[in-house]
All heavy atoms as atom14 arrays in JSON, in Angstrom:
{
  "sequence": "NTVYLQMNSLKPEDTAVYYCAAGPSRGQRIGAQPNEYDYWGQGSQV",
  "atom14_mask": [
    [1, 1, 1, 1, 1, 1, 1, 1, 0, 0, 0, 0, 0, 0],
    [1, 1, 1, 1, 1, 1, 1, 0, 0, 0, 0, 0, 0, 0],
    [1, 1, 1, 1, 1, 1, 1, 0, 0, 0, 0, 0, 0, 0],
    [1, 1, 1, 1, 1, 1, 1, 1, 1, 1, 1, 1, 0, 0],
    [1, 1, 1, 1, 1, 1, 1, 1, 0, 0, 0, 0, 0, 0],
    [1, 1, 1, 1, 1, 1, 1, 1, 1, 0, 0, 0, 0, 0],
    [1, 1, 1, 1, 1, 1, 1, 1, 0, 0, 0, 0, 0, 0],
    [1, 1, 1, 1, 1, 1, 1, 1, 0, 0, 0, 0, 0, 0],
    [1, 1, 1, 1, 1, 1, 0, 0, 0, 0, 0, 0, 0, 0],
    [1, 1, 1, 1, 1, 1, 1, 1, 0, 0, 0, 0, 0, 0],
    [1, 1, 1, 1, 1, 1, 1, 1, 1, 0, 0, 0, 0, 0],
    [1, 1, 1, 1, 1, 1, 1, 0, 0, 0, 0, 0, 0, 0],
    [1, 1, 1, 1, 1, 1, 1, 1, 1, 0, 0, 0, 0, 0],
    [1, 1, 1, 1, 1, 1, 1, 1, 0, 0, 0, 0, 0, 0],
    [1, 1, 1, 1, 1, 1, 1, 0, 0, 0, 0, 0, 0, 0],
    [1, 1, 1, 1, 1, 0, 0, 0, 0, 0, 0, 0, 0, 0],
    [1, 1, 1, 1, 1, 1, 1, 0, 0, 0, 0, 0, 0, 0],
    [1, 1, 1, 1, 1, 1, 1, 1, 1, 1, 1, 1, 0, 0],
    [1, 1, 1, 1, 1, 1, 1, 1, 1, 1, 1, 1, 0, 0],
    [1, 1, 1, 1, 1, 1, 0, 0, 0, 0, 0, 0, 0, 0],
    [1, 1, 1, 1, 1, 0, 0, 0, 0, 0, 0, 0, 0, 0],
    [1, 1, 1, 1, 1, 0, 0, 0, 0, 0, 0, 0, 0, 0],
    [1, 1, 1, 1, 0, 0, 0, 0, 0, 0, 0, 0, 0, 0],
    [1, 1, 1, 1, 1, 1, 1, 0, 0, 0, 0, 0, 0, 0],
    [1, 1, 1, 1, 1, 1, 0, 0, 0, 0, 0, 0, 0, 0],
    [1, 1, 1, 1, 1, 1, 1, 1, 1, 1, 1, 0, 0, 0],
    [1, 1, 1, 1, 0, 0, 0, 0, 0, 0, 0, 0, 0, 0],
    [1, 1, 1, 1, 1, 1, 1, 1, 1, 0, 0, 0, 0, 0],
    [1, 1, 1, 1, 1, 1, 1, 1, 1, 1, 1, 0, 0, 0],
    [1, 1, 1, 1, 1, 1, 1, 1, 0, 0, 0, 0, 0, 0],
    [1, 1, 1, 1, 0, 0, 0, 0, 0, 0, 0, 0, 0, 0],
    [1, 1, 1, 1, 1, 0, 0, 0, 0, 0, 0, 0, 0, 0],
    [1, 1, 1, 1, 1, 1, 1, 1, 1, 0, 0, 0, 0, 0],
    [1, 1, 1, 1, 1, 1, 1, 0, 0, 0, 0, 0, 0, 0],
    [1, 1, 1, 1, 1, 1, 1, 1, 0, 0, 0, 0, 0, 0],
    [1, 1, 1, 1, 1, 1, 1, 1, 1, 0, 0, 0, 0, 0],
    [1, 1, 1, 1, 1, 1, 1, 1, 1, 1, 1, 1, 0, 0],
    [1, 1, 1, 1, 1, 1, 1, 1, 0, 0, 0, 0, 0, 0],
    [1, 1, 1, 1, 1, 1, 1, 1, 1, 1, 1, 1, 0, 0],
    [1, 1, 1, 1, 1, 1, 1, 1, 1, 1, 1, 1, 1, 1],
    [1, 1, 1, 1, 0, 0, 0, 0, 0, 0, 0, 0, 0, 0],
    [1, 1, 1, 1, 1, 1, 1, 1, 1, 0, 0, 0, 0, 0],
    [1, 1, 1, 1, 0, 0, 0, 0, 0, 0, 0, 0, 0, 0],
    [1, 1, 1, 1, 1, 1, 0, 0, 0, 0, 0, 0, 0, 0],
    [1, 1, 1, 1, 1, 1, 1, 1, 1, 0, 0, 0, 0, 0],
    [1, 1, 1, 1, 1, 1, 1, 0, 0, 0, 0, 0, 0, 0]
  ],
  "atom14_positions": [
    [[0.82, -1.2, 0.0], [0.0, 0.0, 0.0], [0.85, 1.25, 0.0], [0.34, 2.34, 0.28], [-0.93, 0.01, 1.22], [-2.19, -0.76, 0.99], [-2.3, -1.54, 0.06], [-3.19, -0.54, 1.84], [0.0, 0.0, 0.0], [0.0, 0.0, 0.0], [0.0, 0.0, 0.0], [0.0, 0.0, 0.0], [0.0, 0.0, 0.0], [0.0, 0.0, 0.0]],
    [[2.15, 1.1, -0.24], [3.03, 2.24, -0.3], [3.73, 2.28, -1.65], [4.0, 1.25, -2.26], [4.1, 2.19, 0.8], [4.8, 0.94, 0.7], [3.48, 2.3, 2.17], [0.0, 0.0, 0.0], [0.0, 0.0, 0.0], [0.0, 0.0, 0.0], [0.0, 0.0, 0.0], [0.0, 0.0, 0.0], [0.0, 0.0, 0.0], [0.0, 0.0, 0.0]],
    [[4.01, 3.51, -2.1], [4.74, 3.69, -3.34], [5.74, 4.82, -3.13], [5.46, 5.8, -2.44], [3.8, 3.96, -4.53], [3.01, 5.24, -4.34], [4.56, 3.98, -5.85], [0.0, 0.0, 0.0], [0.0, 0.0, 0.0], [0.0, 0.0, 0.0], [0.0, 0.0, 0.0], [0.0, 0.0, 0.0], [0.0, 0.0, 0.0], [0.0, 0.0, 0.0]],
    [[6.91, 4.66, -3.71], [7.98, 5.63, -3.55], [8.4, 6.17, -4.92], [8.25, 5.51, -5.94], [9.2, 4.98, -2.89], [8.9, 4.34, -1.56], [8.68, 2.97, -1.46], [8.81, 5.1, -0.4], [8.4, 2.37, -0.25], [8.52, 4.52, 0.83], [8.31, 3.15, 0.89], [8.02, 2.57, 2.1], [0.0, 0.0, 0.0], [0.0, 0.0, 0.0]],
    [[8.97, 7.36, -4.89], [9.56, 7.93, -6.09], [10.91, 8.5, -5.7], [11.0, 9.53, -5.03], [8.66, 9.03, -6.69], [9.14, 9.57, -8.03], [9.02, 8.5, -9.12], [8.36, 10.82, -8.42], [0.0, 0.0, 0.0], [0.0, 0.0, 0.0], [0.0, 0.0, 0.0], [0.0, 0.0, 0.0], [0.0, 0.0, 0.0], [0.0, 0.0, 0.0]],
    [[11.97, 7.81, -6.1], [13.33, 8.29, -5.89], [13.7, 9.18, -7.06], [13.68, 8.73, -8.21], [14.3, 7.11, -5.79], [15.75, 7.52, -5.63], [16.01, 8.23, -4.31], [15.52, 7.81, -3.27], [16.79, 9.3, -4.34], [0.0, 0.0, 0.0], [0.0, 0.0, 0.0], [0.0, 0.0, 0.0], [0.0, 0.0, 0.0], [0.0, 0.0, 0.0]],
    [[14.03, 10.42, -6.77], [14.33, 11.4, -7.81], [15.77, 11.83, -7.7], [16.18, 12.44, -6.7], [13.39, 12.61, -7.68], [11.92, 12.23, -7.71], [10.83, 13.66, -7.61], [11.12, 14.22, -5.95], [0.0, 0.0, 0.0], [0.0, 0.0, 0.0], [0.0, 0.0, 0.0], [0.0, 0.0, 0.0], [0.0, 0.0, 0.0], [0.0, 0.0, 0.0]],
    [[16.57, 11.5, -8.7], [17.99, 11.87, -8.73], [18.25, 12.84, -9.88], [17.44, 12.98, -10.79], [18.84, 10.61, -8.9], [18.7, 9.63, -7.76], [18.46, 10.01, -6.62], [18.84, 8.35, -8.05], [0.0, 0.0, 0.0], [0.0, 0.0, 0.0], [0.0, 0.0, 0.0], [0.0, 0.0, 0.0], [0.0, 0.0, 0.0], [0.0, 0.0, 0.0]],
    [[19.39, 13.48, -9.83], [19.8, 14.42, -10.88], [18.67, 15.4, -11.19], [18.33, 15.64, -12.35], [20.2, 13.66, -12.15], [21.26, 12.77, -11.89], [0.0, 0.0, 0.0], [0.0, 0.0, 0.0], [0.0, 0.0, 0.0], [0.0, 0.0, 0.0], [0.0, 0.0, 0.0], [0.0, 0.0, 0.0], [0.0, 0.0, 0.0], [0.0, 0.0, 0.0]],
    [[18.11, 15.98, -10.16], [16.96, 16.86, -10.33], [17.33, 18.11, -11.11], [18.46, 18.64, -11.0], [16.38, 17.22, -8.97], [15.52, 16.11, -8.35], [15.37, 16.33, -6.85], [14.16, 16.06, -9.02], [0.0, 0.0, 0.0], [0.0, 0.0, 0.0], [0.0, 0.0, 0.0], [0.0, 0.0, 0.0], [0.0, 0.0, 0.0], [0.0, 0.0, 0.0]],
    [[16.38, 18.6, -11.89], [16.55, 19.78, -12.72], [15.52, 20.83, -12.32], [14.46, 20.47, -11.79], [16.35, 19.43, -14.18], [17.24, 18.3, -14.69], [16.88, 17.94, -16.13], [17.75, 16.8, -16.63], [17.39, 16.44, -18.04], [0.0, 0.0, 0.0], [0.0, 0.0, 0.0], [0.0, 0.0, 0.0], [0.0, 0.0, 0.0], [0.0, 0.0, 0.0]],
    [[15.78, 22.09, -12.58], [14.78, 23.12, -12.26], [13.42, 22.84, -12.9], [12.39, 23.15, -12.3], [15.42, 24.4, -12.81], [16.88, 24.15, -12.71], [17.05, 22.69, -13.03], [0.0, 0.0, 0.0], [0.0, 0.0, 0.0], [0.0, 0.0, 0.0], [0.0, 0.0, 0.0], [0.0, 0.0, 0.0], [0.0, 0.0, 0.0], [0.0, 0.0, 0.0]],
    [[13.41, 22.23, -14.08], [12.13, 21.94, -14.74], [11.36, 20.81, -14.06], [10.22, 20.52, -14.45], [12.35, 21.61, -16.23], [13.41, 20.56, -16.49], [14.76, 21.17, -16.84], [15.18, 22.14, -16.16], [15.4, 20.65, -17.77], [0.0, 0.0, 0.0], [0.0, 0.0, 0.0], [0.0, 0.0, 0.0], [0.0, 0.0, 0.0], [0.0, 0.0, 0.0]],
    [[11.95, 20.16, -13.06], [11.22, 19.17, -12.27], [10.39, 19.83, -11.17], [9.62, 19.14, -10.49], [12.19, 18.17, -11.63], [12.92, 17.31, -12.65], [12.26, 16.86, -13.61], [14.13, 17.09, -12.47], [0.0, 0.0, 0.0], [0.0, 0.0, 0.0], [0.0, 0.0, 0.0], [0.0, 0.0, 0.0], [0.0, 0.0, 0.0], [0.0, 0.0, 0.0]],
    [[10.54, 21.12, -10.99], [9.78, 21.83, -9.97], [8.29, 21.74, -10.24], [7.83, 22.07, -11.34], [10.21, 23.31, -9.92], [11.58, 23.39, -9.51], [9.34, 24.1, -8.96], [0.0, 0.0, 0.0], [0.0, 0.0, 0.0], [0.0, 0.0, 0.0], [0.0, 0.0, 0.0], [0.0, 0.0, 0.0], [0.0, 0.0, 0.0], [0.0, 0.0, 0.0]],
    [[7.54, 21.24, -9.26], [6.1, 21.04, -9.42], [5.54, 20.52, -8.1], [6.29, 20.17, -7.18], [5.81, 20.04, -10.53], [0.0, 0.0, 0.0], [0.0, 0.0, 0.0], [0.0, 0.0, 0.0], [0.0, 0.0, 0.0], [0.0, 0.0, 0.0], [0.0, 0.0, 0.0], [0.0, 0.0, 0.0], [0.0, 0.0, 0.0], [0.0, 0.0, 0.0]],
    [[4.22, 20.46, -8.04], [3.55, 19.71, -6.98], [3.4, 18.27, -7.49], [2.88, 18.06, -8.59], [2.18, 20.31, -6.64], [1.48, 19.44, -5.59], [2.33, 21.74, -6.14], [0.0, 0.0, 0.0], [0.0, 0.0, 0.0], [0.0, 0.0, 0.0], [0.0, 0.0, 0.0], [0.0, 0.0, 0.0], [0.0, 0.0, 0.0], [0.0, 0.0, 0.0]],
    [[3.86, 17.33, -6.71], [3.82, 15.92, -7.08], [2.66, 15.23, -6.37], [2.51, 15.37, -5.15], [5.15, 15.24, -6.73], [6.23, 15.58, -7.71], [6.77, 16.86, -7.77], [6.72, 14.63, -8.6], [7.76, 17.19, -8.68], [7.71, 14.94, -9.51], [8.23, 16.22, -9.55], [9.21, 16.54, -10.46], [0.0, 0.0, 0.0], [0.0, 0.0, 0.0]],
    [[1.88, 14.48, -7.14], [0.69, 13.8, -6.62], [0.84, 12.29, -6.77], [1.21, 11.79, -7.83], [-0.55, 14.24, -7.38], [-0.9, 15.69, -7.22], [-0.42, 16.65, -8.11], [-1.73, 16.12, -6.17], [-0.74, 17.99, -7.97], [-2.07, 17.45, -6.03], [-1.56, 18.38, -6.93], [-1.89, 19.71, -6.77], [0.0, 0.0, 0.0], [0.0, 0.0, 0.0]],
    [[0.49, 11.6, -5.7], [0.38, 10.15, -5.73], [-1.04, 9.79, -6.14], [-1.99, 10.51, -5.77], [0.69, 9.63, -4.33], [0.36, 7.9, -4.06], [0.0, 0.0, 0.0], [0.0, 0.0, 0.0], [0.0, 0.0, 0.0], [0.0, 0.0, 0.0], [0.0, 0.0, 0.0], [0.0, 0.0, 0.0], [0.0, 0.0, 0.0], [0.0, 0.0, 0.0]],
    [[-1.2, 8.71, -6.89], [-2.53, 8.29, -7.33], [-2.63, 6.77, -7.33], [-1.62, 6.07, -7.52], [-2.81, 8.84, -8.73], [0.0, 0.0, 0.0], [0.0, 0.0, 0.0], [0.0, 0.0, 0.0], [0.0, 0.0, 0.0], [0.0, 0.0, 0.0], [0.0, 0.0, 0.0], [0.0, 0.0, 0.0], [0.0, 0.0, 0.0], [0.0, 0.0, 0.0]],
    [[-3.85, 6.27, -7.16], [-4.1, 4.83, -7.18], [-5.4, 4.54, -7.91], [-6.38, 5.29, -7.77], [-4.17, 4.29, -5.76], [0.0, 0.0, 0.0], [0.0, 0.0, 0.0], [0.0, 0.0, 0.0], [0.0, 0.0, 0.0], [0.0, 0.0, 0.0], [0.0, 0.0, 0.0], [0.0, 0.0, 0.0], [0.0, 0.0, 0.0], [0.0, 0.0, 0.0]],
    [[-5.41, 3.47, -8.69], [-6.6, 3.09, -9.42], [-6.56, 1.62, -9.8], [-5.48, 1.02, -9.81], [0.0, 0.0, 0.0], [0.0, 0.0, 0.0], [0.0, 0.0, 0.0], [0.0, 0.0, 0.0], [0.0, 0.0, 0.0], [0.0, 0.0, 0.0], [0.0, 0.0, 0.0], [0.0, 0.0, 0.0], [0.0, 0.0, 0.0], [0.0, 0.0, 0.0]],
    [[-7.71, 1.03, -10.08], [-7.75, -0.39, -10.45], [-7.04, -0.62, -11.78], [-7.01, 0.25, -12.64], [-9.25, -0.68, -10.57], [-9.87, 0.64, -10.85], [-9.03, 1.66, -10.14], [0.0, 0.0, 0.0], [0.0, 0.0, 0.0], [0.0, 0.0, 0.0], [0.0, 0.0, 0.0], [0.0, 0.0, 0.0], [0.0, 0.0, 0.0], [0.0, 0.0, 0.0]],
    [[-6.44, -1.8, -11.9], [-5.8, -2.15, -13.17], [-6.84, -2.12, -14.29], [-7.96, -2.58, -14.12], [-5.17, -3.54, -13.06], [-4.14, -3.55, -12.11], [0.0, 0.0, 0.0], [0.0, 0.0, 0.0], [0.0, 0.0, 0.0], [0.0, 0.0, 0.0], [0.0, 0.0, 0.0], [0.0, 0.0, 0.0], [0.0, 0.0, 0.0], [0.0, 0.0, 0.0]],
    [[-6.44, -1.6, -15.45], [-7.36, -1.43, -16.57], [-6.8, -2.09, -17.81], [-6.45, -1.42, -18.78], [-7.64, 0.06, -16.8], [-8.25, 0.76, -15.58], [-8.47, 2.24, -15.84], [-8.83, 2.96, -14.62], [-10.06, 3.13, -14.17], [-11.07, 2.59, -14.83], [-10.29, 3.81, -13.06], [0.0, 0.0, 0.0], [0.0, 0.0, 0.0], [0.0, 0.0, 0.0]],
    [[-6.69, -3.4, -17.76], [-6.26, -4.16, -18.93], [-4.86, -3.77, -19.36], [-3.93, -3.81, -18.57], [0.0, 0.0, 0.0], [0.0, 0.0, 0.0], [0.0, 0.0, 0.0], [0.0, 0.0, 0.0], [0.0, 0.0, 0.0], [0.0, 0.0, 0.0], [0.0, 0.0, 0.0], [0.0, 0.0, 0.0], [0.0, 0.0, 0.0], [0.0, 0.0, 0.0]],
    [[-4.71, -3.38, -20.62], [-3.41, -3.09, -21.19], [-2.94, -1.66, -20.91], [-1.83, -1.29, -21.27], [-3.45, -3.31, -22.7], [-3.79, -4.73, -23.09], [-2.8, -5.72, -22.53], [-1.6, -5.54, -22.65], [-3.3, -6.76, -21.88], [0.0, 0.0, 0.0], [0.0, 0.0, 0.0], [0.0, 0.0, 0.0], [0.0, 0.0, 0.0], [0.0, 0.0, 0.0]],
    [[-3.77, -0.85, -20.29], [-3.39, 0.54, -20.06], [-2.33, 0.6, -18.96], [-2.35, -0.16, -18.0], [-4.61, 1.37, -19.69], [-5.69, 1.3, -20.77], [-6.8, 2.28, -20.51], [-6.36, 3.66, -20.76], [-7.17, 4.7, -20.68], [-8.42, 4.55, -20.32], [-6.71, 5.92, -20.93], [0.0, 0.0, 0.0], [0.0, 0.0, 0.0], [0.0, 0.0, 0.0]],
    [[-1.39, 1.55, -19.11], [-0.24, 1.6, -18.19], [-0.39, 2.65, -17.11], [0.52, 2.85, -16.33], [1.07, 1.84, -18.97], [1.08, 3.25, -19.59], [1.29, 0.77, -20.02], [2.43, 3.68, -20.1], [0.0, 0.0, 0.0], [0.0, 0.0, 0.0], [0.0, 0.0, 0.0], [0.0, 0.0, 0.0], [0.0, 0.0, 0.0], [0.0, 0.0, 0.0]],
    [[-1.52, 3.34, -17.07], [-1.73, 4.33, -16.02], [-1.07, 5.66, -16.3], [-0.66, 6.35, -15.36], [0.0, 0.0, 0.0], [0.0, 0.0, 0.0], [0.0, 0.0, 0.0], [0.0, 0.0, 0.0], [0.0, 0.0, 0.0], [0.0, 0.0, 0.0], [0.0, 0.0, 0.0], [0.0, 0.0, 0.0], [0.0, 0.0, 0.0], [0.0, 0.0, 0.0]],
    [[-0.98, 6.06, -17.54], [-0.35, 7.32, -17.89], [-1.32, 8.49, -17.96], [-0.89, 9.63, -18.18], [0.38, 7.19, -19.23], [0.0, 0.0, 0.0], [0.0, 0.0, 0.0], [0.0, 0.0, 0.0], [0.0, 0.0, 0.0], [0.0, 0.0, 0.0], [0.0, 0.0, 0.0], [0.0, 0.0, 0.0], [0.0, 0.0, 0.0], [0.0, 0.0, 0.0]],
    [[-2.6, 8.22, -17.8], [-3.61, 9.27, -17.86], [-4.28, 9.46, -16.51], [-4.62, 8.5, -15.83], [-4.67, 8.92, -18.91], [-4.14, 8.74, -20.31], [-3.48, 9.99, -20.84], [-3.94, 11.11, -20.58], [-2.39, 9.83, -21.59], [0.0, 0.0, 0.0], [0.0, 0.0, 0.0], [0.0, 0.0, 0.0], [0.0, 0.0, 0.0], [0.0, 0.0, 0.0]],
    [[-4.51, 10.7, -16.1], [-5.15, 10.95, -14.8], [-6.5, 10.26, -14.64], [-6.86, 9.86, -13.52], [-5.29, 12.48, -14.76], [-4.19, 12.98, -15.64], [-4.09, 11.97, -16.74], [0.0, 0.0, 0.0], [0.0, 0.0, 0.0], [0.0, 0.0, 0.0], [0.0, 0.0, 0.0], [0.0, 0.0, 0.0], [0.0, 0.0, 0.0], [0.0, 0.0, 0.0]],
    [[-7.25, 10.12, -15.73], [-8.59, 9.54, -15.6], [-8.58, 8.03, -15.35], [-9.63, 7.41, -15.21], [-9.46, 9.89, -16.81], [-8.91, 9.33, -18.11], [-8.01, 8.51, -18.12], [-9.46, 9.79, -19.22], [0.0, 0.0, 0.0], [0.0, 0.0, 0.0], [0.0, 0.0, 0.0], [0.0, 0.0, 0.0], [0.0, 0.0, 0.0], [0.0, 0.0, 0.0]],
    [[-7.4, 7.43, -15.28], [-7.3, 6.01, -14.96], [-7.24, 5.78, -13.44], [-7.2, 4.64, -12.99], [-6.04, 5.41, -15.59], [-6.07, 5.44, -17.12], [-4.79, 4.88, -17.71], [-4.44, 3.73, -17.39], [-4.14, 5.59, -18.49], [0.0, 0.0, 0.0], [0.0, 0.0, 0.0], [0.0, 0.0, 0.0], [0.0, 0.0, 0.0], [0.0, 0.0, 0.0]],
    [[-7.24, 6.86, -12.68], [-7.07, 6.77, -11.23], [-8.31, 7.24, -10.49], [-8.95, 8.21, -10.88], [-5.85, 7.6, -10.8], [-4.55, 7.06, -11.36], [-4.12, 7.44, -12.62], [-3.78, 6.17, -10.63], [-2.95, 6.94, -13.15], [-2.6, 5.67, -11.15], [-2.19, 6.06, -12.41], [-1.02, 5.55, -12.92], [0.0, 0.0, 0.0], [0.0, 0.0, 0.0]],
    [[-8.6, 6.51, -9.41], [-9.77, 6.85, -8.59], [-9.4, 7.65, -7.35], [-10.27, 8.33, -6.79], [-10.47, 5.56, -8.15], [-11.1, 4.8, -9.31], [-11.28, 5.39, -10.39], [-11.39, 3.6, -9.13], [0.0, 0.0, 0.0], [0.0, 0.0, 0.0], [0.0, 0.0, 0.0], [0.0, 0.0, 0.0], [0.0, 0.0, 0.0], [0.0, 0.0, 0.0]],
    [[-8.17, 7.52, -6.9], [-7.78, 8.13, -5.64], [-6.52, 8.96, -5.82], [-5.6, 8.54, -6.54], [-7.53, 7.05, -4.58], [-8.67, 6.08, -4.4], [-8.58, 4.78, -4.87], [-9.84, 6.47, -3.77], [-9.62, 3.88, -4.72], [-10.89, 5.58, -3.61], [-10.77, 4.29, -4.09], [-11.81, 3.4, -3.93], [0.0, 0.0, 0.0], [0.0, 0.0, 0.0]],
    [[-6.49, 10.1, -5.13], [-5.37, 11.03, -5.25], [-4.93, 11.52, -3.87], [-5.75, 11.69, -2.97], [-5.75, 12.24, -6.09], [-5.97, 11.9, -7.53], [-7.12, 11.44, -8.1], [-5.01, 11.98, -8.58], [-6.92, 11.23, -9.44], [-5.65, 11.55, -9.76], [-3.68, 12.39, -8.63], [-4.98, 11.52, -10.99], [-3.02, 12.34, -9.85], [-3.67, 11.91, -11.01]],
    [[-3.62, 11.76, -3.75], [-3.1, 12.4, -2.55], [-3.26, 13.9, -2.63], [-3.72, 14.45, -3.63], [0.0, 0.0, 0.0], [0.0, 0.0, 0.0], [0.0, 0.0, 0.0], [0.0, 0.0, 0.0], [0.0, 0.0, 0.0], [0.0, 0.0, 0.0], [0.0, 0.0, 0.0], [0.0, 0.0, 0.0], [0.0, 0.0, 0.0], [0.0, 0.0, 0.0]],
    [[-2.82, 14.57, -1.58], [-3.01, 16.02, -1.48], [-1.92, 16.8, -2.21], [-2.05, 18.0, -2.43], [-3.05, 16.44, 0.0], [-1.7, 16.58, 0.67], [-1.03, 15.26, 1.0], [-1.58, 14.18, 0.8], [0.18, 15.34, 1.54], [0.0, 0.0, 0.0], [0.0, 0.0, 0.0], [0.0, 0.0, 0.0], [0.0, 0.0, 0.0], [0.0, 0.0, 0.0]],
    [[-0.85, 16.13, -2.56], [0.24, 16.79, -3.27], [1.39, 17.16, -2.35], [1.19, 17.48, -1.18], [0.0, 0.0, 0.0], [0.0, 0.0, 0.0], [0.0, 0.0, 0.0], [0.0, 0.0, 0.0], [0.0, 0.0, 0.0], [0.0, 0.0, 0.0], [0.0, 0.0, 0.0], [0.0, 0.0, 0.0], [0.0, 0.0, 0.0], [0.0, 0.0, 0.0]],
    [[2.59, 17.13, -2.92], [3.8, 17.47, -2.18], [4.68, 18.34, -3.08], [4.97, 17.98, -4.21], [4.54, 16.2, -1.79], [5.68, 16.48, -1.0], [0.0, 0.0, 0.0], [0.0, 0.0, 0.0], [0.0, 0.0, 0.0], [0.0, 0.0, 0.0], [0.0, 0.0, 0.0], [0.0, 0.0, 0.0], [0.0, 0.0, 0.0], [0.0, 0.0, 0.0]],
    [[5.07, 19.52, -2.57], [5.84, 20.47, -3.37], [7.3, 20.03, -3.48], [7.94, 19.71, -2.47], [5.78, 21.86, -2.75], [6.61, 22.91, -3.48], [6.03, 23.26, -4.84], [4.83, 23.47, -4.99], [6.9, 23.32, -5.86], [0.0, 0.0, 0.0], [0.0, 0.0, 0.0], [0.0, 0.0, 0.0], [0.0, 0.0, 0.0], [0.0, 0.0, 0.0]],
    [[7.8, 20.04, -4.7], [9.22, 19.81, -4.97], [9.74, 21.04, -5.71], [9.2, 21.41, -6.76], [9.44, 18.55, -5.82], [10.89, 18.45, -6.28], [9.05, 17.31, -5.02], [0.0, 0.0, 0.0], [0.0, 0.0, 0.0], [0.0, 0.0, 0.0], [0.0, 0.0, 0.0], [0.0, 0.0, 0.0], [0.0, 0.0, 0.0], [0.0, 0.0, 0.0]]
  ]
}
């Protein structure tokens, strides 16, 4: 129930609010679209 994102060699263009998301598996889709997710975190500023 946990997911991590290790971010190395960070660049200024990586500056953003980062959101965690979770959703049911949808066949062959890889989860690259926001509408594939049912649940979202509150966001964390980087």
